[in-house]
Amino acid sequence: MTKAEVINEIAEKTGIDKADVTATVEAFFSVVKNSMSEGNNIYVRGFGSFINKKRAKKVARNISKNTAIIIDEHYIPSFKPAKVFVDKIKGSSKVKANAEKAMLEAEDVD
């Protein structure tokens, strides 16, 4: 599902103008990005948490040049779903059906 499809569905379910929904969704994403870039985590009860995860310093390999590269400590954005969100996905028969369909299509490609 794309952002445009999410906006269309919200507009249909709420009856709010699509332009207003677009502005709201864009503002939400902007707040999340700006807040996280300032080092703040965002907690949405019943949905999940947008958190900054710390990645430790490590040595990696450049295979083509056969050299070692040092990757400094850094932070990456991450999403951790709430328990009720995870439970809803685990119990969804549509998710299971879509996963099985994707597995069959992947086997047909091989």
PDB file of N, CA and C in Angstrom:
ATOM      1  N   MET A   1       0.856  -1.179   0.000  1.00  0.00           N
ATOM      2  CA  MET A   1       0.000   0.000   0.000  1.00  0.00           C
ATOM      3  C   MET A   1       0.896   1.236   0.000  1.00  0.00           C
ATOM      4  N   THR A   2       0.600   2.172  -0.866  1.00  0.00           N
ATOM      5  CA  THR A   2       1.400   3.388  -0.965  1.00  0.00           C
ATOM      6  C   THR A   2       0.816   4.489  -0.080  1.00  0.00           C
ATOM      7  N   LYS A   3       1.579   5.572   0.061  1.00  0.00           N
ATOM      8  CA  LYS A   3       1.105   6.706   0.855  1.00  0.00           C
ATOM      9  C   LYS A   3      -0.180   7.280   0.242  1.00  0.00           C
ATOM     10  N   ALA A   4      -0.241   7.340  -1.070  1.00  0.00           N
ATOM     11  CA  ALA A   4      -1.437   7.859  -1.743  1.00  0.00           C
ATOM     12  C   ALA A   4      -2.663   6.987  -1.446  1.00  0.00           C
ATOM     13  N   GLU A   5      -2.469   5.674  -1.413  1.00  0.00           N
ATOM     14  CA  GLU A   5      -3.571   4.766  -1.112  1.00  0.00           C
ATOM     15  C   GLU A   5      -4.025   4.922   0.341  1.00  0.00           C
ATOM     16  N   VAL A   6      -3.069   5.133   1.251  1.00  0.00           N
ATOM     17  CA  VAL A   6      -3.414   5.371   2.658  1.00  0.00           C
ATOM     18  C   VAL A   6      -4.241   6.648   2.774  1.00  0.00           C
ATOM     19  N   ILE A   7      -3.802   7.689   2.095  1.00  0.00           N
ATOM     20  CA  ILE A   7      -4.517   8.975   2.127  1.00  0.00           C
ATOM     21  C   ILE A   7      -5.926   8.812   1.576  1.00  0.00           C
ATOM     22  N   ASN A   8      -6.075   8.107   0.466  1.00  0.00           N
ATOM     23  CA  ASN A   8      -7.404   7.876  -0.118  1.00  0.00           C
ATOM     24  C   ASN A   8      -8.313   7.119   0.848  1.00  0.00           C
ATOM     25  N   GLU A   9      -7.779   6.092   1.502  1.00  0.00           N
ATOM     26  CA  GLU A   9      -8.591   5.292   2.421  1.00  0.00           C
ATOM     27  C   GLU A   9      -9.023   6.108   3.638  1.00  0.00           C
ATOM     28  N   ILE A  10      -8.106   6.915   4.174  1.00  0.00           N
ATOM     29  CA  ILE A  10      -8.457   7.769   5.319  1.00  0.00           C
ATOM     30  C   ILE A  10      -9.531   8.773   4.911  1.00  0.00           C
ATOM     31  N   ALA A  11      -9.381   9.365   3.740  1.00  0.00           N
ATOM     32  CA  ALA A  11     -10.358  10.346   3.256  1.00  0.00           C
ATOM     33  C   ALA A  11     -11.738   9.700   3.092  1.00  0.00           C
ATOM     34  N   GLU A  12     -11.771   8.473   2.562  1.00  0.00           N
ATOM     35  CA  GLU A  12     -13.046   7.769   2.378  1.00  0.00           C
ATOM     36  C   GLU A  12     -13.692   7.422   3.719  1.00  0.00           C
ATOM     37  N   LYS A  13     -12.906   6.925   4.665  1.00  0.00           N
ATOM     38  CA  LYS A  13     -13.448   6.486   5.951  1.00  0.00           C
ATOM     39  C   LYS A  13     -13.903   7.641   6.831  1.00  0.00           C
ATOM     40  N   THR A  14     -13.245   8.785   6.727  1.00  0.00           N
ATOM     41  CA  THR A  14     -13.567   9.911   7.610  1.00  0.00           C
ATOM     42  C   THR A  14     -14.434  10.969   6.963  1.00  0.00           C
ATOM     43  N   GLY A  15     -14.458  10.994   5.633  1.00  0.00           N
ATOM     44  CA  GLY A  15     -15.215  12.029   4.935  1.00  0.00           C
ATOM     45  C   GLY A  15     -14.481  13.366   4.885  1.00  0.00           C
ATOM     46  N   ILE A  16     -13.231  13.378   5.329  1.00  0.00           N
ATOM     47  CA  ILE A  16     -12.424  14.602   5.292  1.00  0.00           C
ATOM     48  C   ILE A  16     -11.844  14.758   3.894  1.00  0.00           C
ATOM     49  N   ASP A  17     -11.733  15.998   3.449  1.00  0.00           N
ATOM     50  CA  ASP A  17     -11.189  16.313   2.131  1.00  0.00           C
ATOM     51  C   ASP A  17      -9.793  15.707   1.968  1.00  0.00           C
ATOM     52  N   LYS A  18      -9.518  15.174   0.768  1.00  0.00           N
ATOM     53  CA  LYS A  18      -8.243  14.510   0.513  1.00  0.00           C
ATOM     54  C   LYS A  18      -7.043  15.444   0.703  1.00  0.00           C
ATOM     55  N   ALA A  19      -7.193  16.709   0.374  1.00  0.00           N
ATOM     56  CA  ALA A  19      -6.105  17.678   0.551  1.00  0.00           C
ATOM     57  C   ALA A  19      -5.773  17.869   2.027  1.00  0.00           C
ATOM     58  N   ASP A  20      -6.806  17.893   2.871  1.00  0.00           N
ATOM     59  CA  ASP A  20      -6.582  18.032   4.310  1.00  0.00           C
ATOM     60  C   ASP A  20      -5.907  16.789   4.890  1.00  0.00           C
ATOM     61  N   VAL A  21      -6.325  15.616   4.424  1.00  0.00           N
ATOM     62  CA  VAL A  21      -5.716  14.370   4.888  1.00  0.00           C
ATOM     63  C   VAL A  21      -4.251  14.325   4.453  1.00  0.00           C
ATOM     64  N   THR A  22      -3.980  14.726   3.216  1.00  0.00           N
ATOM     65  CA  THR A  22      -2.604  14.756   2.714  1.00  0.00           C
ATOM     66  C   THR A  22      -1.736  15.661   3.572  1.00  0.00           C
ATOM     67  N   ALA A  23      -2.241  16.856   3.891  1.00  0.00           N
ATOM     68  CA  ALA A  23      -1.488  17.793   4.722  1.00  0.00           C
ATOM     69  C   ALA A  23      -1.232  17.211   6.109  1.00  0.00           C
ATOM     70  N   THR A  24      -2.214  16.521   6.666  1.00  0.00           N
ATOM     71  CA  THR A  24      -2.068  15.918   7.989  1.00  0.00           C
ATOM     72  C   THR A  24      -1.039  14.788   7.978  1.00  0.00           C
ATOM     73  N   VAL A  25      -1.130  13.917   6.987  1.00  0.00           N
ATOM     74  CA  VAL A  25      -0.190  12.795   6.888  1.00  0.00           C
ATOM     75  C   VAL A  25       1.236  13.313   6.682  1.00  0.00           C
ATOM     76  N   GLU A  26       1.401  14.294   5.795  1.00  0.00           N
ATOM     77  CA  GLU A  26       2.722  14.877   5.556  1.00  0.00           C
ATOM     78  C   GLU A  26       3.263  15.541   6.820  1.00  0.00           C
ATOM     79  N   ALA A  27       2.395  16.221   7.565  1.00  0.00           N
ATOM     80  CA  ALA A  27       2.815  16.864   8.813  1.00  0.00           C
ATOM     81  C   ALA A  27       3.245  15.813   9.833  1.00  0.00           C
ATOM     82  N   PHE A  28       2.519  14.705   9.905  1.00  0.00           N
ATOM     83  CA  PHE A  28       2.883  13.623  10.822  1.00  0.00           C
ATOM     84  C   PHE A  28       4.281  13.099  10.497  1.00  0.00           C
ATOM     85  N   PHE A  29       4.525  12.800   9.216  1.00  0.00           N
ATOM     86  CA  PHE A  29       5.842  12.289   8.817  1.00  0.00           C
ATOM     87  C   PHE A  29       6.939  13.306   9.106  1.00  0.00           C
ATOM     88  N   SER A  30       6.638  14.562   8.880  1.00  0.00           N
ATOM     89  CA  SER A  30       7.612  15.623   9.147  1.00  0.00           C
ATOM     90  C   SER A  30       7.953  15.697  10.633  1.00  0.00           C
ATOM     91  N   VAL A  31       6.933  15.624  11.488  1.00  0.00           N
ATOM     92  CA  VAL A  31       7.152  15.656  12.938  1.00  0.00           C
ATOM     93  C   VAL A  31       7.988  14.451  13.370  1.00  0.00           C
ATOM     94  N   VAL A  32       7.682  13.271  12.832  1.00  0.00           N
ATOM     95  CA  VAL A  32       8.438  12.068  13.181  1.00  0.00           C
ATOM     96  C   VAL A  32       9.900  12.234  12.774  1.00  0.00           C
ATOM     97  N   LYS A  33      10.150  12.652  11.534  1.00  0.00           N
ATOM     98  CA  LYS A  33      11.523  12.804  11.059  1.00  0.00           C
ATOM     99  C   LYS A  33      12.289  13.856  11.849  1.00  0.00           C
ATOM    100  N   ASN A  34      11.676  15.017  12.060  1.00  0.00           N
ATOM    101  CA  ASN A  34      12.355  16.096  12.779  1.00  0.00           C
ATOM    102  C   ASN A  34      12.620  15.724  14.231  1.00  0.00           C
ATOM    103  N   SER A  35      11.654  15.119  14.875  1.00  0.00           N
ATOM    104  CA  SER A  35      11.800  14.736  16.271  1.00  0.00           C
ATOM    105  C   SER A  35      12.890  13.682  16.436  1.00  0.00           C
ATOM    106  N   MET A  36      12.888  12.687  15.554  1.00  0.00           N
ATOM    107  CA  MET A  36      13.900  11.645  15.649  1.00  0.00           C
ATOM    108  C   MET A  36      15.292  12.163  15.314  1.00  0.00           C
ATOM    109  N   SER A  37      15.379  13.109  14.385  1.00  0.00           N
ATOM    110  CA  SER A  37      16.691  13.668  14.051  1.00  0.00           C
ATOM    111  C   SER A  37      17.259  14.496  15.201  1.00  0.00           C
ATOM    112  N   GLU A  38      16.386  14.943  16.103  1.00  0.00           N
ATOM    113  CA  GLU A  38      16.831  15.661  17.297  1.00  0.00           C
ATOM    114  C   GLU A  38      17.122  14.706  18.457  1.00  0.00           C
ATOM    115  N   GLY A  39      16.985  13.403  18.213  1.00  0.00           N
ATOM    116  CA  GLY A  39      17.310  12.405  19.226  1.00  0.00           C
ATOM    117  C   GLY A  39      16.143  11.957  20.082  1.00  0.00           C
ATOM    118  N   ASN A  40      14.937  12.381  19.742  1.00  0.00           N
ATOM    119  CA  ASN A  40      13.748  12.000  20.516  1.00  0.00           C
ATOM    120  C   ASN A  40      13.091  10.764  19.913  1.00  0.00           C
ATOM    121  N   ASN A  41      12.595   9.894  20.768  1.00  0.00           N
ATOM    122  CA  ASN A  41      11.803   8.748  20.332  1.00  0.00           C
ATOM    123  C   ASN A  41      10.325   9.125  20.392  1.00  0.00           C
ATOM    124  N   ILE A  42       9.507   8.439  19.600  1.00  0.00           N
ATOM    125  CA  ILE A  42       8.076   8.726  19.557  1.00  0.00           C
ATOM    126  C   ILE A  42       7.324   7.449  19.921  1.00  0.00           C
ATOM    127  N   TYR A  43       6.430   7.548  20.894  1.00  0.00           N
ATOM    128  CA  TYR A  43       5.665   6.402  21.375  1.00  0.00           C
ATOM    129  C   TYR A  43       4.192   6.630  21.084  1.00  0.00           C
ATOM    130  N   VAL A  44       3.583   5.733  20.294  1.00  0.00           N
ATOM    131  CA  VAL A  44       2.163   5.817  19.960  1.00  0.00           C
ATOM    132  C   VAL A  44       1.494   4.591  20.571  1.00  0.00           C
ATOM    133  N   ARG A  45       0.788   4.807  21.677  1.00  0.00           N
ATOM    134  CA  ARG A  45       0.158   3.707  22.418  1.00  0.00           C
ATOM    135  C   ARG A  45      -0.772   2.905  21.512  1.00  0.00           C
ATOM    136  N   GLY A  46      -0.632   1.599  21.542  1.00  0.00           N
ATOM    137  CA  GLY A  46      -1.474   0.713  20.748  1.00  0.00           C
ATOM    138  C   GLY A  46      -1.001   0.541  19.322  1.00  0.00           C
ATOM    139  N   PHE A  47       0.009   1.293  18.895  1.00  0.00           N
ATOM    140  CA  PHE A  47       0.527   1.200  17.533  1.00  0.00           C
ATOM    141  C   PHE A  47       1.981   0.766  17.537  1.00  0.00           C
ATOM    142  N   GLY A  48       2.850   1.547  18.206  1.00  0.00           N
ATOM    143  CA  GLY A  48       4.258   1.189  18.269  1.00  0.00           C
ATOM    144  C   GLY A  48       5.131   2.383  18.584  1.00  0.00           C
ATOM    145  N   SER A  49       6.439   2.152  18.514  1.00  0.00           N
ATOM    146  CA  SER A  49       7.408   3.185  18.862  1.00  0.00           C
ATOM    147  C   SER A  49       8.377   3.410  17.711  1.00  0.00           C
ATOM    148  N   PHE A  50       8.631   4.673  17.409  1.00  0.00           N
ATOM    149  CA  PHE A  50       9.664   5.061  16.462  1.00  0.00           C
ATOM    150  C   PHE A  50      10.879   5.414  17.315  1.00  0.00           C
ATOM    151  N   ILE A  51      11.936   4.618  17.191  1.00  0.00           N
ATOM    152  CA  ILE A  51      13.090   4.814  18.065  1.00  0.00           C
ATOM    153  C   ILE A  51      14.379   4.906  17.254  1.00  0.00           C
ATOM    154  N   ASN A  52      15.382   5.548  17.853  1.00  0.00           N
ATOM    155  CA  ASN A  52      16.722   5.599  17.271  1.00  0.00           C
ATOM    156  C   ASN A  52      17.524   4.460  17.866  1.00  0.00           C
ATOM    157  N   LYS A  53      18.036   3.570  17.016  1.00  0.00           N
ATOM    158  CA  LYS A  53      18.827   2.438  17.478  1.00  0.00           C
ATOM    159  C   LYS A  53      20.307   2.739  17.265  1.00  0.00           C
ATOM    160  N   LYS A  54      21.101   2.395  18.264  1.00  0.00           N
ATOM    161  CA  LYS A  54      22.539   2.614  18.192  1.00  0.00           C
ATOM    162  C   LYS A  54      23.213   1.412  17.533  1.00  0.00           C
ATOM    163  N   ARG A  55      24.048   1.682  16.549  1.00  0.00           N
ATOM    164  CA  ARG A  55      24.860   0.656  15.910  1.00  0.00           C
ATOM    165  C   ARG A  55      26.305   0.870  16.354  1.00  0.00           C
ATOM    166  N   ALA A  56      26.927  -0.148  16.874  1.00  0.00           N
ATOM    167  CA  ALA A  56      28.293  -0.048  17.396  1.00  0.00           C
ATOM    168  C   ALA A  56      29.304   0.070  16.259  1.00  0.00           C
ATOM    169  N   LYS A  57      30.480   0.577  16.594  1.00  0.00           N
ATOM    170  CA  LYS A  57      31.583   0.667  15.644  1.00  0.00           C
ATOM    171  C   LYS A  57      31.986  -0.745  15.250  1.00  0.00           C
ATOM    172  N   LYS A  58      32.274  -0.965  13.947  1.00  0.00           N
ATOM    173  CA  LYS A  58      32.663  -2.296  13.509  1.00  0.00           C
ATOM    174  C   LYS A  58      33.587  -2.223  12.308  1.00  0.00           C
ATOM    175  N   VAL A  59      34.236  -3.336  12.048  1.00  0.00           N
ATOM    176  CA  VAL A  59      35.117  -3.447  10.892  1.00  0.00           C
ATOM    177  C   VAL A  59      34.377  -4.249   9.825  1.00  0.00           C
ATOM    178  N   ALA A  60      34.324  -3.710   8.623  1.00  0.00           N
ATOM    179  CA  ALA A  60      33.664  -4.380   7.504  1.00  0.00           C
ATOM    180  C   ALA A  60      34.711  -4.638   6.422  1.00  0.00           C
ATOM    181  N   ARG A  61      34.357  -5.424   5.425  1.00  0.00           N
ATOM    182  CA  ARG A  61      35.289  -5.738   4.340  1.00  0.00           C
ATOM    183  C   ARG A  61      34.758  -5.205   3.025  1.00  0.00           C
ATOM    184  N   ASN A  62      35.672  -4.586   2.243  1.00  0.00           N
ATOM    185  CA  ASN A  62      35.370  -4.215   0.870  1.00  0.00           C
ATOM    186  C   ASN A  62      35.871  -5.377   0.028  1.00  0.00           C
ATOM    187  N   ILE A  63      34.971  -6.220  -0.429  1.00  0.00           N
ATOM    188  CA  ILE A  63      35.360  -7.452  -1.108  1.00  0.00           C
ATOM    189  C   ILE A  63      36.098  -7.179  -2.411  1.00  0.00           C
ATOM    190  N   SER A  64      35.668  -6.177  -3.172  1.00  0.00           N
ATOM    191  CA  SER A  64      36.295  -5.915  -4.472  1.00  0.00           C
ATOM    192  C   SER A  64      37.745  -5.453  -4.332  1.00  0.00           C
ATOM    193  N   LYS A  65      38.058  -4.686  -3.295  1.00  0.00           N
ATOM    194  CA  LYS A  65      39.430  -4.206  -3.093  1.00  0.00           C
ATOM    195  C   LYS A  65      40.177  -5.015  -2.031  1.00  0.00           C
ATOM    196  N   ASN A  66      39.478  -5.935  -1.372  1.00  0.00           N
ATOM    197  CA  ASN A  66      40.045  -6.767  -0.313  1.00  0.00           C
ATOM    198  C   ASN A  66      40.694  -5.922   0.787  1.00  0.00           C
ATOM    199  N   THR A  67      39.964  -4.914   1.240  1.00  0.00           N
ATOM    200  CA  THR A  67      40.468  -4.043   2.305  1.00  0.00           C
ATOM    201  C   THR A  67      39.456  -3.981   3.441  1.00  0.00           C
ATOM    202  N   ALA A  68      39.950  -3.604   4.609  1.00  0.00           N
ATOM    203  CA  ALA A  68      39.074  -3.440   5.774  1.00  0.00           C
ATOM    204  C   ALA A  68      38.586  -2.000   5.832  1.00  0.00           C
ATOM    205  N   ILE A  69      37.344  -1.827   6.203  1.00  0.00           N
ATOM    206  CA  ILE A  69      36.734  -0.503   6.350  1.00  0.00           C
ATOM    207  C   ILE A  69      36.196  -0.407   7.767  1.00  0.00           C
ATOM    208  N   ILE A  70      36.469   0.705   8.421  1.00  0.00           N
ATOM    209  CA  ILE A  70      35.935   0.916   9.766  1.00  0.00           C
ATOM    210  C   ILE A  70      34.654   1.730   9.655  1.00  0.00           C
ATOM    211  N   ILE A  71      33.582   1.170  10.163  1.00  0.00           N
ATOM    212  CA  ILE A  71      32.294   1.872  10.179  1.00  0.00           C
ATOM    213  C   ILE A  71      32.099   2.396  11.594  1.00  0.00           C
ATOM    214  N   ASP A  72      32.043   3.712  11.724  1.00  0.00           N
ATOM    215  CA  ASP A  72      31.906   4.334  13.040  1.00  0.00           C
ATOM    216  C   ASP A  72      30.547   4.040  13.666  1.00  0.00           C
ATOM    217  N   GLU A  73      30.470   4.260  14.965  1.00  0.00           N
ATOM    218  CA  GLU A  73      29.216   4.144  15.700  1.00  0.00           C
ATOM    219  C   GLU A  73      28.216   5.120  15.080  1.00  0.00           C
ATOM    220  N   HIS A  74      26.983   4.667  14.894  1.00  0.00           N
ATOM    221  CA  HIS A  74      25.960   5.536  14.312  1.00  0.00           C
ATOM    222  C   HIS A  74      24.576   5.093  14.786  1.00  0.00           C
ATOM    223  N   TYR A  75      23.588   5.905  14.493  1.00  0.00           N
ATOM    224  CA  TYR A  75      22.203   5.627  14.881  1.00  0.00           C
ATOM    225  C   TYR A  75      21.358   5.467  13.628  1.00  0.00           C
ATOM    226  N   ILE A  76      20.389   4.554  13.706  1.00  0.00           N
ATOM    227  CA  ILE A  76      19.453   4.361  12.603  1.00  0.00           C
ATOM    228  C   ILE A  76      18.028   4.413  13.141  1.00  0.00           C
ATOM    229  N   PRO A  77      17.078   4.915  12.339  1.00  0.00           N
ATOM    230  CA  PRO A  77      15.682   4.918  12.788  1.00  0.00           C
ATOM    231  C   PRO A  77      15.111   3.506  12.721  1.00  0.00           C
ATOM    232  N   SER A  78      14.234   3.210  13.662  1.00  0.00           N
ATOM    233  CA  SER A  78      13.641   1.886  13.738  1.00  0.00           C
ATOM    234  C   SER A  78      12.203   2.003  14.230  1.00  0.00           C
ATOM    235  N   PHE A  79      11.390   1.017  13.875  1.00  0.00           N
ATOM    236  CA  PHE A  79      10.008   0.971  14.352  1.00  0.00           C
ATOM    237  C   PHE A  79       9.812  -0.323  15.107  1.00  0.00           C
ATOM    238  N   LYS A  80       9.262  -0.227  16.303  1.00  0.00           N
ATOM    239  CA  LYS A  80       8.947  -1.409  17.113  1.00  0.00           C
ATOM    240  C   LYS A  80       7.444  -1.418  17.329  1.00  0.00           C
ATOM    241  N   PRO A  81       6.734  -2.375  16.730  1.00  0.00           N
ATOM    242  CA  PRO A  81       5.275  -2.404  16.875  1.00  0.00           C
ATOM    243  C   PRO A  81       4.843  -2.763  18.291  1.00  0.00           C
ATOM    244  N   ALA A  82       3.685  -2.244  18.692  1.00  0.00           N
ATOM    245  CA  ALA A  82       3.109  -2.554  19.997  1.00  0.00           C
ATOM    246  C   ALA A  82       2.589  -3.988  19.992  1.00  0.00           C
ATOM    247  N   LYS A  83       2.452  -4.553  21.171  1.00  0.00           N
ATOM    248  CA  LYS A  83       2.012  -5.949  21.308  1.00  0.00           C
ATOM    249  C   LYS A  83       0.645  -6.180  20.657  1.00  0.00           C
ATOM    250  N   VAL A  84      -0.294  -5.246  20.842  1.00  0.00           N
ATOM    251  CA  VAL A  84      -1.623  -5.424  20.242  1.00  0.00           C
ATOM    252  C   VAL A  84      -1.550  -5.403  18.720  1.00  0.00           C
ATOM    253  N   PHE A  85      -0.615  -4.603  18.167  1.00  0.00           N
ATOM    254  CA  PHE A  85      -0.404  -4.542  16.722  1.00  0.00           C
ATOM    255  C   PHE A  85       0.143  -5.888  16.222  1.00  0.00           C
ATOM    256  N   VAL A  86       1.153  -6.414  16.898  1.00  0.00           N
ATOM    257  CA  VAL A  86       1.756  -7.695  16.528  1.00  0.00           C
ATOM    258  C   VAL A  86       0.716  -8.808  16.614  1.00  0.00           C
ATOM    259  N   ASP A  87      -0.067  -8.817  17.675  1.00  0.00           N
ATOM    260  CA  ASP A  87      -1.090  -9.849  17.857  1.00  0.00           C
ATOM    261  C   ASP A  87      -2.131  -9.805  16.740  1.00  0.00           C
ATOM    262  N   LYS A  88      -2.495  -8.607  16.312  1.00  0.00           N
ATOM    263  CA  LYS A  88      -3.476  -8.461  15.233  1.00  0.00           C
ATOM    264  C   LYS A  88      -2.928  -9.052  13.931  1.00  0.00           C
ATOM    265  N   ILE A  89      -1.655  -8.819  13.644  1.00  0.00           N
ATOM    266  CA  ILE A  89      -1.038  -9.351  12.427  1.00  0.00           C
ATOM    267  C   ILE A  89      -0.917 -10.874  12.520  1.00  0.00           C
ATOM    268  N   LYS A  90      -0.493 -11.375  13.678  1.00  0.00           N
ATOM    269  CA  LYS A  90      -0.343 -12.824  13.864  1.00  0.00           C
ATOM    270  C   LYS A  90      -1.673 -13.550  13.680  1.00  0.00           C
ATOM    271  N   GLY A  91      -2.763 -12.939  14.078  1.00  0.00           N
ATOM    272  CA  GLY A  91      -4.069 -13.572  13.990  1.00  0.00           C
ATOM    273  C   GLY A  91      -4.795 -13.337  12.683  1.00  0.00           C
ATOM    274  N   SER A  92      -4.186 -12.622  11.757  1.00  0.00           N
ATOM    275  CA  SER A  92      -4.847 -12.276  10.503  1.00  0.00           C
ATOM    276  C   SER A  92      -4.758 -13.412   9.491  1.00  0.00           C
ATOM    277  N   SER A  93      -5.916 -13.884   9.049  1.00  0.00           N
ATOM    278  CA  SER A  93      -5.936 -14.945   8.034  1.00  0.00           C
ATOM    279  C   SER A  93      -5.547 -14.392   6.663  1.00  0.00           C
ATOM    280  N   LYS A  94      -5.827 -13.115   6.402  1.00  0.00           N
ATOM    281  CA  LYS A  94      -5.463 -12.512   5.122  1.00  0.00           C
ATOM    282  C   LYS A  94      -3.950 -12.409   4.966  1.00  0.00           C
ATOM    283  N   VAL A  95      -3.242 -12.097   6.060  1.00  0.00           N
ATOM    284  CA  VAL A  95      -1.778 -12.022   6.014  1.00  0.00           C
ATOM    285  C   VAL A  95      -1.208 -13.393   5.679  1.00  0.00           C
ATOM    286  N   LYS A  96      -1.751 -14.435   6.310  1.00  0.00           N
ATOM    287  CA  LYS A  96      -1.282 -15.793   6.054  1.00  0.00           C
ATOM    288  C   LYS A  96      -1.538 -16.183   4.602  1.00  0.00           C
ATOM    289  N   ALA A  97      -2.718 -15.849   4.081  1.00  0.00           N
ATOM    290  CA  ALA A  97      -3.061 -16.189   2.698  1.00  0.00           C
ATOM    291  C   ALA A  97      -2.139 -15.458   1.718  1.00  0.00           C
ATOM    292  N   ASN A  98      -1.878 -14.172   1.984  1.00  0.00           N
ATOM    293  CA  ASN A  98      -0.985 -13.408   1.104  1.00  0.00           C
ATOM    294  C   ASN A  98       0.438 -13.954   1.151  1.00  0.00           C
ATOM    295  N   ALA A  99       0.903 -14.370   2.322  1.00  0.00           N
ATOM    296  CA  ALA A  99       2.250 -14.929   2.466  1.00  0.00           C
ATOM    297  C   ALA A  99       2.361 -16.244   1.705  1.00  0.00           C
ATOM    298  N   GLU A 100       1.332 -17.101   1.814  1.00  0.00           N
ATOM    299  CA  GLU A 100       1.345 -18.373   1.098  1.00  0.00           C
ATOM    300  C   GLU A 100       1.315 -18.141  -0.409  1.00  0.00           C
ATOM    301  N   LYS A 101       0.538 -17.166  -0.847  1.00  0.00           N
ATOM    302  CA  LYS A 101       0.455 -16.834  -2.268  1.00  0.00           C
ATOM    303  C   LYS A 101       1.822 -16.359  -2.779  1.00  0.00           C
ATOM    304  N   ALA A 102       2.501 -15.521  -1.998  1.00  0.00           N
ATOM    305  CA  ALA A 102       3.816 -15.020  -2.383  1.00  0.00           C
ATOM    306  C   ALA A 102       4.835 -16.153  -2.451  1.00  0.00           C
ATOM    307  N   MET A 103       4.752 -17.108  -1.520  1.00  0.00           N
ATOM    308  CA  MET A 103       5.666 -18.253  -1.517  1.00  0.00           C
ATOM    309  C   MET A 103       5.464 -19.102  -2.776  1.00  0.00           C
ATOM    310  N   LEU A 104       4.197 -19.326  -3.153  1.00  0.00           N
ATOM    311  CA  LEU A 104       3.918 -20.116  -4.354  1.00  0.00           C
ATOM    312  C   LEU A 104       4.419 -19.415  -5.606  1.00  0.00           C
ATOM    313  N   GLU A 105       4.240 -18.101  -5.672  1.00  0.00           N
ATOM    314  CA  GLU A 105       4.727 -17.329  -6.818  1.00  0.00           C
ATOM    315  C   GLU A 105       6.253 -17.354  -6.892  1.00  0.00           C
ATOM    316  N   ALA A 106       6.922 -17.308  -5.746  1.00  0.00           N
ATOM    317  CA  ALA A 106       8.377 -17.358  -5.708  1.00  0.00           C
ATOM    318  C   ALA A 106       8.873 -18.726  -6.199  1.00  0.00           C
ATOM    319  N   GLU A 107       8.165 -19.790  -5.835  1.00  0.00           N
ATOM    320  CA  GLU A 107       8.553 -21.128  -6.281  1.00  0.00           C
ATOM    321  C   GLU A 107       8.356 -21.280  -7.779  1.00  0.00           C
ATOM    322  N   ASP A 108       7.299 -20.651  -8.340  1.00  0.00           N
ATOM    323  CA  ASP A 108       7.042 -20.717  -9.773  1.00  0.00           C
ATOM    324  C   ASP A 108       8.139 -20.025 -10.567  1.00  0.00           C
ATOM    325  N   VAL A 109       8.745 -18.987 -10.004  1.00  0.00           N
ATOM    326  CA  VAL A 109       9.802 -18.235 -10.681  1.00  0.00           C
ATOM    327  C   VAL A 109      11.058 -19.083 -10.803  1.00  0.00           C
ATOM    328  N   ASP A 110      11.345 -19.885  -9.765  1.00  0.00           N
ATOM    329  CA  ASP A 110      12.545 -20.732  -9.771  1.00  0.00           C
ATOM    330  C   ASP A 110      12.378 -21.777 -10.822  1.00  0.00           C
TER     331      ASP A 110
END
